[in-house]
Amino acid sequence: MEYDISGRPSFSLLTVSLDTDERLRAESGAMVSHDTTIEMRTNATGGFLKSLGRTFGGESFFQNTFHATAPGEVQFAAPLPGDMTHYAMSGDPLYVQSTSYIAGDEALDVDASFGGAKSFFGGEGLVLLRVTGEGPLFMSSYGAIEEIDISDRDSFVVDTGHIVAFEDSVDFDVRRVGGIKSLLASGEGLVCEFSGDGTIWVQSRSQSAFLSWLIPKLPVQTA
């Protein structure tokens, strides 16, 4: 399975080349185009309960599976302007914010109901997906993606609104920045302090920060 990511980092477009009988699963609404040799099938992956769990994690109830009856290409894009990146899953879990999951090998398991890390981020609107299995995984971001190896650092702090993904080998601790005065003055809320050996991915823009800037500027309808 070959791929190409064009338009980086602002308006990324993912093109995946599938050989005969290769399959790729993607989020509903992510598909841009595909060759006529590619068949698309929509279903509730993993059954009703698992699909329902994905909706609580910010994902779609239905997912699309693309099957190549002959060699062809399929293209994907994220709903927000930004970057994309590829990660080769090798069996170890990867934690991905729900809005960053775009597509992956059909064999990958995407779990939004594992608990654990997910609950830490609920208050900030960042819900994590636990992805396991082997095969290619494609992630998107709001803004540019930066891959950071923290193995040589004592620790590394990231605002939760800028987290894209992190490896299972990384430890993390979520805490609030200062008190209410710091929250109002700095605009920061929760941060995640990472430590250990592994890689994290961050995005250069924050959806929550953009909405905080935008919403006060929207016109208010008066009676």
C-alpha atoms as a PDB file:
ATOM      1  CA  MET A   1       0.000   0.000   0.000  1.00  0.00           C
ATOM      2  CA  GLU A   2       1.587   3.245  -1.174  1.00  0.00           C
ATOM      3  CA  TYR A   3       0.497   6.748  -0.254  1.00  0.00           C
ATOM      4  CA  ASP A   4       1.198  10.403  -0.965  1.00  0.00           C
ATOM      5  CA  ILE A   5       0.301  13.479   1.083  1.00  0.00           C
ATOM      6  CA  SER A   6       0.086  16.709  -0.927  1.00  0.00           C
ATOM      7  CA  GLY A   7      -0.866  20.263   0.046  1.00  0.00           C
ATOM      8  CA  ARG A   8       0.992  20.146   3.360  1.00  0.00           C
ATOM      9  CA  PRO A   9       0.798  21.595   5.923  1.00  0.00           C
ATOM     10  CA  SER A  10      -2.302  23.748   5.430  1.00  0.00           C
ATOM     11  CA  PHE A  11      -4.639  21.827   3.110  1.00  0.00           C
ATOM     12  CA  SER A  12      -3.384  18.252   3.086  1.00  0.00           C
ATOM     13  CA  LEU A  13      -4.793  15.689   0.677  1.00  0.00           C
ATOM     14  CA  LEU A  14      -4.047  11.996   1.230  1.00  0.00           C
ATOM     15  CA  THR A  15      -3.871   9.722  -1.825  1.00  0.00           C
ATOM     16  CA  VAL A  16      -3.609   5.977  -1.162  1.00  0.00           C
ATOM     17  CA  SER A  17      -2.794   3.497  -3.924  1.00  0.00           C
ATOM     18  CA  LEU A  18      -4.413   0.113  -3.349  1.00  0.00           C
ATOM     19  CA  ASP A  19      -3.439  -3.121  -5.070  1.00  0.00           C
ATOM     20  CA  THR A  20      -6.008  -5.743  -5.972  1.00  0.00           C
ATOM     21  CA  ASP A  21      -7.896  -6.998  -2.871  1.00  0.00           C
ATOM     22  CA  GLU A  22      -6.277  -4.459  -0.540  1.00  0.00           C
ATOM     23  CA  ARG A  23      -8.670  -2.718   1.879  1.00  0.00           C
ATOM     24  CA  LEU A  24      -8.599   0.524   3.812  1.00  0.00           C
ATOM     25  CA  ARG A  25     -11.080   1.728   6.425  1.00  0.00           C
ATOM     26  CA  ALA A  26     -11.840   5.440   6.874  1.00  0.00           C
ATOM     27  CA  GLU A  27     -14.011   7.809   8.831  1.00  0.00           C
ATOM     28  CA  SER A  28     -17.368   8.651   7.308  1.00  0.00           C
ATOM     29  CA  GLY A  29     -17.100  11.862   5.281  1.00  0.00           C
ATOM     30  CA  ALA A  30     -13.308  11.689   4.831  1.00  0.00           C
ATOM     31  CA  MET A  31     -13.388  10.380   1.256  1.00  0.00           C
ATOM     32  CA  VAL A  32     -12.718  12.928  -1.501  1.00  0.00           C
ATOM     33  CA  SER A  33     -12.559  10.704  -4.591  1.00  0.00           C
ATOM     34  CA  HIS A  34     -11.673   7.216  -5.808  1.00  0.00           C
ATOM     35  CA  ASP A  35     -11.166   5.230  -9.004  1.00  0.00           C
ATOM     36  CA  THR A  36     -13.997   3.077 -10.312  1.00  0.00           C
ATOM     37  CA  THR A  37     -11.886   0.018  -9.442  1.00  0.00           C
ATOM     38  CA  ILE A  38     -12.406   0.879  -5.765  1.00  0.00           C
ATOM     39  CA  GLU A  39     -15.612  -0.312  -4.088  1.00  0.00           C
ATOM     40  CA  MET A  40     -16.887   1.482  -0.991  1.00  0.00           C
ATOM     41  CA  ARG A  41     -18.903  -0.333   1.656  1.00  0.00           C
ATOM     42  CA  THR A  42     -20.476   1.441   4.641  1.00  0.00           C
ATOM     43  CA  ASN A  43     -21.124  -0.483   7.847  1.00  0.00           C
ATOM     44  CA  ALA A  44     -21.109  -0.317  11.631  1.00  0.00           C
ATOM     45  CA  THR A  45     -17.628  -1.698  12.204  1.00  0.00           C
ATOM     46  CA  GLY A  46     -17.380  -4.063  15.160  1.00  0.00           C
ATOM     47  CA  GLY A  47     -21.125  -4.288  15.710  1.00  0.00           C
ATOM     48  CA  PHE A  48     -23.743  -2.007  17.228  1.00  0.00           C
ATOM     49  CA  LEU A  49     -22.261  -1.527  20.707  1.00  0.00           C
ATOM     50  CA  LYS A  50     -18.732  -0.784  19.506  1.00  0.00           C
ATOM     51  CA  SER A  51     -20.066   1.608  16.859  1.00  0.00           C
ATOM     52  CA  LEU A  52     -22.163   3.339  19.508  1.00  0.00           C
ATOM     53  CA  GLY A  53     -19.063   3.670  21.682  1.00  0.00           C
ATOM     54  CA  ARG A  54     -17.262   5.424  18.831  1.00  0.00           C
ATOM     55  CA  THR A  55     -19.981   8.080  18.691  1.00  0.00           C
ATOM     56  CA  PHE A  56     -19.364   8.901  22.377  1.00  0.00           C
ATOM     57  CA  GLY A  57     -15.697   9.242  21.447  1.00  0.00           C
ATOM     58  CA  GLY A  58     -16.470  11.811  18.764  1.00  0.00           C
ATOM     59  CA  GLU A  59     -16.251   9.352  15.863  1.00  0.00           C
ATOM     60  CA  SER A  60     -18.847   8.286  13.306  1.00  0.00           C
ATOM     61  CA  PHE A  61     -21.266   5.427  13.986  1.00  0.00           C
ATOM     62  CA  PHE A  62     -20.652   4.143  10.452  1.00  0.00           C
ATOM     63  CA  GLN A  63     -17.287   3.732   8.761  1.00  0.00           C
ATOM     64  CA  ASN A  64     -16.398   3.243   5.121  1.00  0.00           C
ATOM     65  CA  THR A  65     -14.272   0.345   3.868  1.00  0.00           C
ATOM     66  CA  PHE A  66     -12.592   0.743   0.488  1.00  0.00           C
ATOM     67  CA  HIS A  67     -11.842  -2.474  -1.407  1.00  0.00           C
ATOM     68  CA  ALA A  68      -9.739  -2.537  -4.576  1.00  0.00           C
ATOM     69  CA  THR A  69     -11.139  -4.955  -7.175  1.00  0.00           C
ATOM     70  CA  ALA A  70      -8.175  -3.868  -9.322  1.00  0.00           C
ATOM     71  CA  PRO A  71      -5.340  -1.406  -8.676  1.00  0.00           C
ATOM     72  CA  GLY A  72      -6.611   2.124  -8.024  1.00  0.00           C
ATOM     73  CA  GLU A  73      -6.426   5.220  -5.860  1.00  0.00           C
ATOM     74  CA  VAL A  74      -8.627   6.712  -3.157  1.00  0.00           C
ATOM     75  CA  GLN A  75      -8.238  10.216  -1.706  1.00  0.00           C
ATOM     76  CA  PHE A  76      -9.074  11.566   1.748  1.00  0.00           C
ATOM     77  CA  ALA A  77      -9.182  14.959   3.442  1.00  0.00           C
ATOM     78  CA  ALA A  78      -9.904  16.134   6.987  1.00  0.00           C
ATOM     79  CA  PRO A  79     -12.803  18.483   7.857  1.00  0.00           C
ATOM     80  CA  LEU A  80     -10.410  21.136   9.210  1.00  0.00           C
ATOM     81  CA  PRO A  81      -7.500  22.766   7.350  1.00  0.00           C
ATOM     82  CA  GLY A  82      -4.232  21.233   8.391  1.00  0.00           C
ATOM     83  CA  ASP A  83      -1.641  18.516   8.032  1.00  0.00           C
ATOM     84  CA  MET A  84      -1.631  14.716   7.759  1.00  0.00           C
ATOM     85  CA  THR A  85       0.899  12.091   8.716  1.00  0.00           C
ATOM     86  CA  HIS A  86       1.419   8.331   8.428  1.00  0.00           C
ATOM     87  CA  TYR A  87       2.248   5.971  11.275  1.00  0.00           C
ATOM     88  CA  ALA A  88       3.153   2.303  10.819  1.00  0.00           C
ATOM     89  CA  MET A  89       1.325   0.369  13.532  1.00  0.00           C
ATOM     90  CA  SER A  90       3.362  -2.604  14.740  1.00  0.00           C
ATOM     91  CA  GLY A  91       1.103  -4.014  17.441  1.00  0.00           C
ATOM     92  CA  ASP A  92       1.758  -1.574  20.285  1.00  0.00           C
ATOM     93  CA  PRO A  93      -1.143   0.775  21.134  1.00  0.00           C
ATOM     94  CA  LEU A  94      -1.197   4.360  19.941  1.00  0.00           C
ATOM     95  CA  TYR A  95      -3.438   6.998  21.537  1.00  0.00           C
ATOM     96  CA  VAL A  96      -4.990   9.413  19.024  1.00  0.00           C
ATOM     97  CA  GLN A  97      -7.354  12.302  19.634  1.00  0.00           C
ATOM     98  CA  SER A  98     -10.674  11.381  18.042  1.00  0.00           C
ATOM     99  CA  THR A  99     -10.749  14.243  15.530  1.00  0.00           C
ATOM    100  CA  SER A 100      -7.311  13.220  14.199  1.00  0.00           C
ATOM    101  CA  TYR A 101      -8.195   9.690  13.087  1.00  0.00           C
ATOM    102  CA  ILE A 102      -8.720   9.653   9.303  1.00  0.00           C
ATOM    103  CA  ALA A 103      -8.069   6.155   7.958  1.00  0.00           C
ATOM    104  CA  GLY A 104      -6.174   2.960   8.570  1.00  0.00           C
ATOM    105  CA  ASP A 105      -5.705  -0.652   7.649  1.00  0.00           C
ATOM    106  CA  GLU A 106      -8.849  -2.746   7.924  1.00  0.00           C
ATOM    107  CA  ALA A 107      -7.130  -4.897  10.576  1.00  0.00           C
ATOM    108  CA  LEU A 108      -6.652  -1.997  13.015  1.00  0.00           C
ATOM    109  CA  ASP A 109      -8.901  -1.837  16.055  1.00  0.00           C
ATOM    110  CA  VAL A 110     -10.070   1.654  17.045  1.00  0.00           C
ATOM    111  CA  ASP A 111     -11.475   1.677  20.581  1.00  0.00           C
ATOM    112  CA  ALA A 112     -13.206   4.742  22.023  1.00  0.00           C
ATOM    113  CA  SER A 113     -14.527   3.045  25.145  1.00  0.00           C
ATOM    114  CA  PHE A 114     -11.356   1.821  26.863  1.00  0.00           C
ATOM    115  CA  GLY A 115     -11.599   4.389  29.657  1.00  0.00           C
ATOM    116  CA  GLY A 116      -8.301   5.274  31.257  1.00  0.00           C
ATOM    117  CA  ALA A 117      -6.656   8.208  29.499  1.00  0.00           C
ATOM    118  CA  LYS A 118      -9.890   9.216  27.802  1.00  0.00           C
ATOM    119  CA  SER A 119     -11.502  10.356  31.045  1.00  0.00           C
ATOM    120  CA  PHE A 120      -8.672  12.779  31.843  1.00  0.00           C
ATOM    121  CA  PHE A 121      -9.380  14.850  28.773  1.00  0.00           C
ATOM    122  CA  GLY A 122     -13.167  14.832  28.847  1.00  0.00           C
ATOM    123  CA  GLY A 123     -13.465  18.255  30.434  1.00  0.00           C
ATOM    124  CA  GLU A 124     -11.409  19.838  27.653  1.00  0.00           C
ATOM    125  CA  GLY A 125     -13.350  18.149  24.862  1.00  0.00           C
ATOM    126  CA  LEU A 126     -10.337  16.040  23.846  1.00  0.00           C
ATOM    127  CA  VAL A 127     -11.263  12.377  23.677  1.00  0.00           C
ATOM    128  CA  LEU A 128      -8.594   9.778  22.977  1.00  0.00           C
ATOM    129  CA  LEU A 129      -8.935   6.691  20.817  1.00  0.00           C
ATOM    130  CA  ARG A 130      -6.841   3.597  21.521  1.00  0.00           C
ATOM    131  CA  VAL A 131      -5.632   2.157  18.224  1.00  0.00           C
ATOM    132  CA  THR A 132      -4.100  -1.338  18.177  1.00  0.00           C
ATOM    133  CA  GLY A 133      -3.038  -3.826  15.532  1.00  0.00           C
ATOM    134  CA  GLU A 134      -0.629  -3.803  12.619  1.00  0.00           C
ATOM    135  CA  GLY A 135      -0.744  -1.780   9.423  1.00  0.00           C
ATOM    136  CA  PRO A 136      -0.754   1.814   8.169  1.00  0.00           C
ATOM    137  CA  LEU A 137      -2.560   4.520  10.153  1.00  0.00           C
ATOM    138  CA  PHE A 138      -3.225   8.041   8.862  1.00  0.00           C
ATOM    139  CA  MET A 139      -3.782  10.978  11.207  1.00  0.00           C
ATOM    140  CA  SER A 140      -4.781  14.584  10.586  1.00  0.00           C
ATOM    141  CA  SER A 141      -4.370  17.818  12.531  1.00  0.00           C
ATOM    142  CA  TYR A 142      -5.651  21.357  12.772  1.00  0.00           C
ATOM    143  CA  GLY A 143      -2.575  23.219  11.558  1.00  0.00           C
ATOM    144  CA  ALA A 144       0.846  21.655  11.070  1.00  0.00           C
ATOM    145  CA  ILE A 145       1.909  18.407  12.760  1.00  0.00           C
ATOM    146  CA  GLU A 146       5.143  18.255  14.710  1.00  0.00           C
ATOM    147  CA  GLU A 147       6.609  14.871  15.685  1.00  0.00           C
ATOM    148  CA  ILE A 148       8.624  15.051  18.922  1.00  0.00           C
ATOM    149  CA  ASP A 149      10.795  12.322  20.432  1.00  0.00           C
ATOM    150  CA  ILE A 150      10.894  12.983  24.180  1.00  0.00           C
ATOM    151  CA  SER A 151      13.299  10.146  25.053  1.00  0.00           C
ATOM    152  CA  ASP A 152      16.150  12.568  25.857  1.00  0.00           C
ATOM    153  CA  ARG A 153      13.995  14.954  27.915  1.00  0.00           C
ATOM    154  CA  ASP A 154      13.117  14.741  31.581  1.00  0.00           C
ATOM    155  CA  SER A 155       9.556  15.763  30.732  1.00  0.00           C
ATOM    156  CA  PHE A 156       7.630  17.752  28.139  1.00  0.00           C
ATOM    157  CA  VAL A 157       4.460  19.817  28.611  1.00  0.00           C
ATOM    158  CA  VAL A 158       1.741  20.180  25.952  1.00  0.00           C
ATOM    159  CA  ASP A 159      -1.554  22.042  26.121  1.00  0.00           C
ATOM    160  CA  THR A 160      -4.265  19.397  25.746  1.00  0.00           C
ATOM    161  CA  GLY A 161      -5.783  21.317  22.828  1.00  0.00           C
ATOM    162  CA  HIS A 162      -2.610  20.713  20.805  1.00  0.00           C
ATOM    163  CA  ILE A 163      -2.271  16.952  21.323  1.00  0.00           C
ATOM    164  CA  VAL A 164      -2.613  14.779  18.209  1.00  0.00           C
ATOM    165  CA  ALA A 165      -1.273  11.410  19.383  1.00  0.00           C
ATOM    166  CA  PHE A 166       1.280   9.684  21.590  1.00  0.00           C
ATOM    167  CA  GLU A 167       2.812   6.242  21.895  1.00  0.00           C
ATOM    168  CA  ASP A 168       1.863   3.803  24.646  1.00  0.00           C
ATOM    169  CA  SER A 169       5.458   3.807  25.927  1.00  0.00           C
ATOM    170  CA  VAL A 170       5.032   7.423  27.060  1.00  0.00           C
ATOM    171  CA  ASP A 171       3.822   8.242  30.572  1.00  0.00           C
ATOM    172  CA  PHE A 172       1.637  11.292  31.142  1.00  0.00           C
ATOM    173  CA  ASP A 173       0.119  13.366  33.887  1.00  0.00           C
ATOM    174  CA  VAL A 174      -2.701  15.859  33.319  1.00  0.00           C
ATOM    175  CA  ARG A 175      -2.903  18.973  35.469  1.00  0.00           C
ATOM    176  CA  ARG A 176      -4.497  22.392  35.481  1.00  0.00           C
ATOM    177  CA  VAL A 177      -2.341  25.449  34.912  1.00  0.00           C
ATOM    178  CA  GLY A 178      -2.441  27.704  37.980  1.00  0.00           C
ATOM    179  CA  GLY A 179      -5.724  28.783  39.530  1.00  0.00           C
ATOM    180  CA  ILE A 180      -8.744  30.603  38.178  1.00  0.00           C
ATOM    181  CA  LYS A 181      -6.723  33.834  37.741  1.00  0.00           C
ATOM    182  CA  SER A 182      -4.168  32.059  35.590  1.00  0.00           C
ATOM    183  CA  LEU A 183      -6.930  30.386  33.595  1.00  0.00           C
ATOM    184  CA  LEU A 184      -8.641  33.695  32.788  1.00  0.00           C
ATOM    185  CA  ALA A 185      -5.438  35.640  32.142  1.00  0.00           C
ATOM    186  CA  SER A 186      -3.455  33.124  30.100  1.00  0.00           C
ATOM    187  CA  GLY A 187      -6.238  31.287  28.299  1.00  0.00           C
ATOM    188  CA  GLU A 188      -4.667  27.986  29.344  1.00  0.00           C
ATOM    189  CA  GLY A 189      -6.666  25.275  31.043  1.00  0.00           C
ATOM    190  CA  LEU A 190      -5.315  21.722  31.208  1.00  0.00           C
ATOM    191  CA  VAL A 191      -1.853  20.639  30.179  1.00  0.00           C
ATOM    192  CA  CYS A 192      -0.368  17.193  29.813  1.00  0.00           C
ATOM    193  CA  GLU A 193       3.145  16.506  31.069  1.00  0.00           C
ATOM    194  CA  PHE A 194       4.765  13.633  29.173  1.00  0.00           C
ATOM    195  CA  SER A 195       7.796  11.624  30.267  1.00  0.00           C
ATOM    196  CA  GLY A 196       9.582   8.423  29.340  1.00  0.00           C
ATOM    197  CA  ASP A 197      10.811   7.023  26.036  1.00  0.00           C
ATOM    198  CA  GLY A 198       8.647   7.535  22.995  1.00  0.00           C
ATOM    199  CA  THR A 199       7.126   9.921  20.491  1.00  0.00           C
ATOM    200  CA  ILE A 200       4.283  12.400  20.692  1.00  0.00           C
ATOM    201  CA  TRP A 201       2.618  14.385  17.931  1.00  0.00           C
ATOM    202  CA  VAL A 202       1.346  17.940  18.425  1.00  0.00           C
ATOM    203  CA  GLN A 203      -0.604  20.323  16.201  1.00  0.00           C
ATOM    204  CA  SER A 204       0.199  24.001  15.711  1.00  0.00           C
ATOM    205  CA  ARG A 205      -3.411  25.141  16.073  1.00  0.00           C
ATOM    206  CA  SER A 206      -6.097  24.511  18.709  1.00  0.00           C
ATOM    207  CA  GLN A 207      -9.774  24.155  17.844  1.00  0.00           C
ATOM    208  CA  SER A 208     -10.878  25.374  21.261  1.00  0.00           C
ATOM    209  CA  ALA A 209      -8.613  28.432  21.053  1.00  0.00           C
ATOM    210  CA  PHE A 210      -9.987  29.277  17.609  1.00  0.00           C
ATOM    211  CA  LEU A 211     -13.576  28.949  18.811  1.00  0.00           C
ATOM    212  CA  SER A 212     -12.806  31.133  21.847  1.00  0.00           C
ATOM    213  CA  TRP A 213     -11.571  33.813  19.445  1.00  0.00           C
ATOM    214  CA  LEU A 214     -14.382  33.383  16.906  1.00  0.00           C
ATOM    215  CA  ILE A 215     -17.565  33.038  18.977  1.00  0.00           C
ATOM    216  CA  PRO A 216     -17.441  36.512  20.635  1.00  0.00           C
ATOM    217  CA  LYS A 217     -17.122  38.037  17.153  1.00  0.00           C
ATOM    218  CA  LEU A 218     -20.246  36.357  15.734  1.00  0.00           C
ATOM    219  CA  PRO A 219     -23.284  38.651  15.296  1.00  0.00           C
ATOM    220  CA  VAL A 220     -25.983  38.253  17.908  1.00  0.00           C
ATOM    221  CA  GLN A 221     -29.543  37.992  16.666  1.00  0.00           C
ATOM    222  CA  THR A 222     -31.870  40.409  18.423  1.00  0.00           C
ATOM    223  CA  ALA A 223     -35.626  40.216  18.585  1.00  0.00           C
END
